[in-house]
Amino acid sequence: MTQVIYKICRADQWREAERSGAFRGAAIDLADGYIHFSTGAQATETAARHFAGIGDLVLVAVATAALGPALKWEPSRGGALFPHLYGVLALDAVLWVKPLPLGGDGRHVFPELGP
């Protein structure tokens, strides 16, 4: 079974990644020196904490096996391990990209995610 991790980013940032052939990260990623990802179980809380009320986002699903040793699992929120990519995200590692719209309650509406 392929393990999948998720990146939430602005749609315009993702369009730029598609134009350039790789995702180099959002401002927070560039500042921290790695690209922040979440597991399926972590993604909704990540959206609520860091993207509350922000529209025009996309959710990017990435196969961990395609990332190699640049992917590190490191403690973050509450000591939970989060996936961090120390490098650029090659588009061939991406399984799919879907819109992440805001629902009527102001929270993001997620597609079904793996763990």
N, C-alpha and C. Protein backbone atom coordinates (compact mmCIF):
# COMPACT_ATOMS: atom_id res chain seq x y z
N MET A 1 0.84 -1.19 0.00
CA MET A 1 0.00 0.00 0.00
C MET A 1 0.89 1.25 0.00
N THR A 2 0.56 2.21 -0.83
CA THR A 2 1.31 3.45 -0.91
C THR A 2 0.92 4.37 0.24
N GLN A 3 1.90 4.85 0.98
CA GLN A 3 1.61 5.82 2.01
C GLN A 3 1.52 7.19 1.35
N VAL A 4 0.50 7.94 1.73
CA VAL A 4 0.24 9.23 1.13
C VAL A 4 0.32 10.31 2.20
N ILE A 5 0.96 11.43 1.84
CA ILE A 5 0.98 12.61 2.68
C ILE A 5 0.40 13.77 1.87
N TYR A 6 0.06 14.85 2.57
CA TYR A 6 -0.70 15.92 1.93
C TYR A 6 -0.07 17.28 2.18
N LYS A 7 -0.13 18.11 1.15
CA LYS A 7 0.32 19.50 1.23
C LYS A 7 -0.87 20.39 0.93
N ILE A 8 -1.09 21.37 1.79
CA ILE A 8 -2.11 22.39 1.55
C ILE A 8 -1.37 23.64 1.09
N CYS A 9 -1.81 24.20 -0.02
CA CYS A 9 -1.19 25.44 -0.48
C CYS A 9 -2.19 26.24 -1.32
N ARG A 10 -1.83 27.48 -1.57
CA ARG A 10 -2.67 28.33 -2.41
C ARG A 10 -2.66 27.80 -3.84
N ALA A 11 -3.79 27.92 -4.50
CA ALA A 11 -3.91 27.43 -5.87
C ALA A 11 -2.90 28.11 -6.79
N ASP A 12 -2.64 29.41 -6.60
CA ASP A 12 -1.69 30.09 -7.47
C ASP A 12 -0.27 29.58 -7.25
N GLN A 13 0.06 29.20 -6.02
CA GLN A 13 1.39 28.61 -5.76
C GLN A 13 1.52 27.27 -6.50
N TRP A 14 0.44 26.50 -6.52
CA TRP A 14 0.50 25.20 -7.18
C TRP A 14 0.58 25.38 -8.70
N ARG A 15 -0.15 26.35 -9.25
CA ARG A 15 -0.06 26.61 -10.69
C ARG A 15 1.37 26.99 -11.07
N GLU A 16 2.03 27.76 -10.23
CA GLU A 16 3.43 28.11 -10.47
C GLU A 16 4.32 26.87 -10.44
N ALA A 17 4.05 25.96 -9.51
CA ALA A 17 4.81 24.70 -9.44
C ALA A 17 4.62 23.91 -10.74
N GLU A 18 3.40 23.87 -11.24
CA GLU A 18 3.15 23.14 -12.49
C GLU A 18 3.88 23.80 -13.66
N ARG A 19 3.94 25.11 -13.66
CA ARG A 19 4.66 25.82 -14.74
C ARG A 19 6.17 25.55 -14.67
N SER A 20 6.71 25.54 -13.43
CA SER A 20 8.17 25.41 -13.27
C SER A 20 8.63 23.96 -13.21
N GLY A 21 7.70 23.03 -12.97
CA GLY A 21 8.05 21.62 -12.94
C GLY A 21 8.36 21.05 -11.56
N ALA A 22 8.29 21.90 -10.51
CA ALA A 22 8.53 21.42 -9.14
C ALA A 22 7.95 22.43 -8.16
N PHE A 23 7.57 21.95 -6.98
CA PHE A 23 7.09 22.82 -5.91
C PHE A 23 8.24 23.04 -4.94
N ARG A 24 8.61 24.29 -4.78
CA ARG A 24 9.74 24.63 -3.90
C ARG A 24 9.30 25.04 -2.51
N GLY A 25 8.00 25.22 -2.32
CA GLY A 25 7.48 25.54 -1.00
C GLY A 25 6.82 26.90 -0.95
N ALA A 26 5.95 27.04 0.05
CA ALA A 26 5.32 28.31 0.36
C ALA A 26 6.30 29.11 1.23
N ALA A 27 5.94 30.33 1.57
CA ALA A 27 6.82 31.19 2.36
C ALA A 27 7.26 30.52 3.66
N ILE A 28 6.34 29.88 4.37
CA ILE A 28 6.69 29.21 5.64
C ILE A 28 7.68 28.08 5.41
N ASP A 29 7.51 27.36 4.31
CA ASP A 29 8.42 26.26 3.99
C ASP A 29 9.83 26.80 3.71
N LEU A 30 9.88 27.85 2.92
CA LEU A 30 11.18 28.44 2.58
C LEU A 30 11.86 28.98 3.84
N ALA A 31 11.09 29.58 4.73
CA ALA A 31 11.65 30.12 5.98
C ALA A 31 12.17 29.00 6.89
N ASP A 32 11.44 27.88 6.93
CA ASP A 32 11.82 26.78 7.82
C ASP A 32 12.86 25.84 7.22
N GLY A 33 13.06 25.89 5.92
CA GLY A 33 14.08 25.06 5.28
C GLY A 33 13.59 23.69 4.85
N TYR A 34 12.28 23.46 4.89
CA TYR A 34 11.70 22.20 4.44
C TYR A 34 10.24 22.44 4.09
N ILE A 35 9.67 21.54 3.30
CA ILE A 35 8.27 21.63 2.93
C ILE A 35 7.45 20.86 3.97
N HIS A 36 6.48 21.55 4.56
CA HIS A 36 5.59 20.97 5.57
C HIS A 36 4.52 20.11 4.89
N PHE A 37 4.32 18.92 5.40
CA PHE A 37 3.24 18.04 4.95
C PHE A 37 2.47 17.58 6.18
N SER A 38 1.32 16.96 5.93
CA SER A 38 0.51 16.35 6.99
C SER A 38 0.08 14.97 6.53
N THR A 39 -0.18 14.10 7.48
CA THR A 39 -0.82 12.82 7.16
C THR A 39 -2.31 13.10 6.96
N GLY A 40 -3.04 12.11 6.50
CA GLY A 40 -4.48 12.27 6.36
C GLY A 40 -5.14 12.60 7.69
N ALA A 41 -4.65 11.99 8.77
CA ALA A 41 -5.21 12.24 10.09
C ALA A 41 -4.89 13.64 10.61
N GLN A 42 -3.84 14.26 10.11
CA GLN A 42 -3.40 15.57 10.59
C GLN A 42 -3.90 16.73 9.72
N ALA A 43 -4.33 16.44 8.50
CA ALA A 43 -4.59 17.50 7.52
C ALA A 43 -5.72 18.45 7.92
N THR A 44 -6.80 17.95 8.49
CA THR A 44 -7.90 18.85 8.83
C THR A 44 -7.50 19.83 9.93
N GLU A 45 -6.73 19.36 10.91
CA GLU A 45 -6.27 20.27 11.96
C GLU A 45 -5.26 21.27 11.40
N THR A 46 -4.41 20.83 10.49
CA THR A 46 -3.46 21.75 9.85
C THR A 46 -4.22 22.86 9.12
N ALA A 47 -5.26 22.50 8.39
CA ALA A 47 -6.06 23.50 7.68
C ALA A 47 -6.71 24.47 8.66
N ALA A 48 -7.27 23.95 9.75
CA ALA A 48 -7.94 24.80 10.73
C ALA A 48 -6.95 25.75 11.43
N ARG A 49 -5.77 25.28 11.73
CA ARG A 49 -4.79 26.09 12.45
C ARG A 49 -4.08 27.11 11.57
N HIS A 50 -3.72 26.71 10.36
CA HIS A 50 -2.83 27.54 9.54
C HIS A 50 -3.49 28.16 8.32
N PHE A 51 -4.71 27.72 7.97
CA PHE A 51 -5.37 28.21 6.77
C PHE A 51 -6.82 28.60 7.03
N ALA A 52 -7.16 28.88 8.28
CA ALA A 52 -8.55 29.18 8.65
C ALA A 52 -9.10 30.34 7.82
N GLY A 53 -10.25 30.11 7.20
CA GLY A 53 -10.94 31.14 6.45
C GLY A 53 -10.33 31.48 5.10
N ILE A 54 -9.26 30.81 4.72
CA ILE A 54 -8.58 31.12 3.45
C ILE A 54 -9.18 30.26 2.34
N GLY A 55 -9.61 30.91 1.30
CA GLY A 55 -10.16 30.21 0.14
C GLY A 55 -9.10 30.03 -0.93
N ASP A 56 -9.49 29.45 -2.03
CA ASP A 56 -8.63 29.21 -3.19
C ASP A 56 -7.38 28.41 -2.84
N LEU A 57 -7.60 27.34 -2.07
CA LEU A 57 -6.51 26.43 -1.71
C LEU A 57 -6.66 25.13 -2.48
N VAL A 58 -5.56 24.39 -2.57
CA VAL A 58 -5.60 23.05 -3.11
C VAL A 58 -4.97 22.09 -2.11
N LEU A 59 -5.38 20.84 -2.23
CA LEU A 59 -4.80 19.76 -1.44
C LEU A 59 -4.04 18.86 -2.40
N VAL A 60 -2.77 18.67 -2.11
CA VAL A 60 -1.89 17.90 -2.98
C VAL A 60 -1.55 16.58 -2.28
N ALA A 61 -1.86 15.46 -2.92
CA ALA A 61 -1.55 14.14 -2.37
C ALA A 61 -0.24 13.66 -2.97
N VAL A 62 0.66 13.20 -2.10
CA VAL A 62 2.00 12.83 -2.52
C VAL A 62 2.34 11.43 -2.01
N ALA A 63 2.93 10.62 -2.86
CA ALA A 63 3.38 9.27 -2.49
C ALA A 63 4.72 9.38 -1.77
N THR A 64 4.78 8.93 -0.53
CA THR A 64 6.02 9.04 0.24
C THR A 64 7.16 8.25 -0.38
N ALA A 65 6.86 7.13 -1.01
CA ALA A 65 7.91 6.28 -1.60
C ALA A 65 8.71 7.02 -2.66
N ALA A 66 8.10 8.02 -3.29
CA ALA A 66 8.78 8.76 -4.36
C ALA A 66 9.71 9.84 -3.83
N LEU A 67 9.71 10.06 -2.51
CA LEU A 67 10.47 11.18 -1.96
C LEU A 67 11.85 10.79 -1.45
N GLY A 68 12.06 9.53 -1.19
CA GLY A 68 13.38 9.05 -0.77
C GLY A 68 13.83 9.62 0.57
N PRO A 69 15.14 9.69 0.79
CA PRO A 69 15.68 10.08 2.10
C PRO A 69 15.50 11.55 2.43
N ALA A 70 15.05 12.37 1.49
CA ALA A 70 14.81 13.79 1.78
C ALA A 70 13.58 13.97 2.67
N LEU A 71 12.74 12.92 2.79
CA LEU A 71 11.56 12.98 3.66
C LEU A 71 11.96 12.55 5.06
N LYS A 72 11.70 13.41 6.02
CA LYS A 72 11.99 13.13 7.43
C LYS A 72 10.70 13.25 8.23
N TRP A 73 10.55 12.36 9.20
CA TRP A 73 9.40 12.43 10.12
C TRP A 73 9.90 13.04 11.42
N GLU A 74 9.38 14.22 11.76
CA GLU A 74 9.91 14.96 12.91
C GLU A 74 8.78 15.41 13.82
N PRO A 75 9.07 15.49 15.13
CA PRO A 75 8.04 15.91 16.09
C PRO A 75 7.67 17.37 15.87
N SER A 76 6.38 17.63 16.00
CA SER A 76 5.87 18.99 15.89
C SER A 76 4.71 19.12 16.87
N ARG A 77 3.57 19.58 16.38
CA ARG A 77 2.39 19.82 17.21
C ARG A 77 2.14 18.71 18.22
N GLY A 78 2.25 19.02 19.49
CA GLY A 78 1.97 18.05 20.54
C GLY A 78 2.88 16.83 20.52
N GLY A 79 4.04 16.94 19.88
CA GLY A 79 4.97 15.83 19.82
C GLY A 79 4.67 14.83 18.72
N ALA A 80 3.58 15.03 17.97
CA ALA A 80 3.24 14.12 16.88
C ALA A 80 4.29 14.23 15.77
N LEU A 81 4.53 13.13 15.09
CA LEU A 81 5.48 13.15 13.97
C LEU A 81 4.81 13.66 12.71
N PHE A 82 5.45 14.64 12.10
CA PHE A 82 4.96 15.22 10.85
C PHE A 82 5.99 15.00 9.76
N PRO A 83 5.52 14.79 8.53
CA PRO A 83 6.44 14.62 7.40
C PRO A 83 6.97 15.97 6.90
N HIS A 84 8.28 16.06 6.78
CA HIS A 84 8.95 17.26 6.28
C HIS A 84 9.86 16.85 5.13
N LEU A 85 9.77 17.57 4.02
CA LEU A 85 10.59 17.27 2.86
C LEU A 85 11.71 18.30 2.75
N TYR A 86 12.94 17.82 2.89
CA TYR A 86 14.12 18.67 2.78
C TYR A 86 14.60 18.66 1.33
N GLY A 87 13.92 19.42 0.51
CA GLY A 87 14.22 19.50 -0.91
C GLY A 87 12.98 19.95 -1.64
N VAL A 88 13.05 19.94 -2.95
CA VAL A 88 11.89 20.34 -3.75
C VAL A 88 10.99 19.13 -3.98
N LEU A 89 9.72 19.41 -4.19
CA LEU A 89 8.75 18.36 -4.49
C LEU A 89 8.64 18.22 -6.00
N ALA A 90 9.16 17.10 -6.51
CA ALA A 90 9.05 16.81 -7.94
C ALA A 90 7.60 16.44 -8.25
N LEU A 91 7.10 16.92 -9.36
CA LEU A 91 5.69 16.69 -9.69
C LEU A 91 5.38 15.23 -9.95
N ASP A 92 6.38 14.42 -10.29
CA ASP A 92 6.10 13.00 -10.52
C ASP A 92 5.79 12.23 -9.24
N ALA A 93 6.00 12.86 -8.08
CA ALA A 93 5.63 12.24 -6.80
C ALA A 93 4.17 12.51 -6.44
N VAL A 94 3.54 13.40 -7.18
CA VAL A 94 2.17 13.83 -6.88
C VAL A 94 1.16 12.83 -7.46
N LEU A 95 0.26 12.38 -6.60
CA LEU A 95 -0.79 11.44 -7.01
C LEU A 95 -2.00 12.18 -7.57
N TRP A 96 -2.38 13.27 -6.91
CA TRP A 96 -3.49 14.10 -7.37
C TRP A 96 -3.47 15.45 -6.67
N VAL A 97 -4.20 16.39 -7.27
CA VAL A 97 -4.39 17.73 -6.71
C VAL A 97 -5.88 18.02 -6.79
N LYS A 98 -6.47 18.42 -5.66
CA LYS A 98 -7.90 18.72 -5.63
C LYS A 98 -8.13 20.05 -4.94
N PRO A 99 -9.20 20.75 -5.33
CA PRO A 99 -9.54 22.00 -4.64
C PRO A 99 -9.89 21.70 -3.18
N LEU A 100 -9.63 22.67 -2.33
CA LEU A 100 -9.95 22.55 -0.91
C LEU A 100 -10.87 23.73 -0.54
N PRO A 101 -12.14 23.62 -0.91
CA PRO A 101 -13.05 24.75 -0.73
C PRO A 101 -13.46 24.95 0.73
N LEU A 102 -13.95 26.15 0.99
CA LEU A 102 -14.52 26.46 2.30
C LEU A 102 -15.98 26.06 2.30
N GLY A 103 -16.41 25.42 3.39
CA GLY A 103 -17.81 25.08 3.54
C GLY A 103 -18.59 26.25 4.13
N GLY A 104 -19.87 26.08 4.25
CA GLY A 104 -20.73 27.12 4.80
C GLY A 104 -20.37 27.50 6.23
N ASP A 105 -19.73 26.58 6.96
CA ASP A 105 -19.32 26.85 8.34
C ASP A 105 -17.94 27.49 8.42
N GLY A 106 -17.33 27.78 7.25
CA GLY A 106 -16.02 28.42 7.24
C GLY A 106 -14.85 27.45 7.35
N ARG A 107 -15.14 26.17 7.50
CA ARG A 107 -14.08 25.16 7.56
C ARG A 107 -13.88 24.55 6.17
N HIS A 108 -12.69 24.06 5.92
CA HIS A 108 -12.40 23.47 4.62
C HIS A 108 -13.09 22.12 4.46
N VAL A 109 -13.54 21.86 3.25
CA VAL A 109 -14.23 20.62 2.92
C VAL A 109 -13.22 19.71 2.24
N PHE A 110 -12.86 18.62 2.92
CA PHE A 110 -11.84 17.70 2.43
C PHE A 110 -12.46 16.54 1.66
N PRO A 111 -11.72 16.07 0.64
CA PRO A 111 -12.12 14.79 0.04
C PRO A 111 -11.76 13.69 1.02
N GLU A 112 -12.16 12.48 0.73
CA GLU A 112 -11.79 11.36 1.60
C GLU A 112 -10.28 11.15 1.53
N LEU A 113 -9.65 11.03 2.69
CA LEU A 113 -8.20 10.88 2.77
C LEU A 113 -7.82 9.56 3.41
N GLY A 114 -6.64 9.10 3.06
CA GLY A 114 -6.07 7.94 3.75
C GLY A 114 -5.52 8.38 5.08
N PRO A 115 -5.03 7.45 5.90
CA PRO A 115 -4.52 7.79 7.24
C PRO A 115 -3.28 8.66 7.22
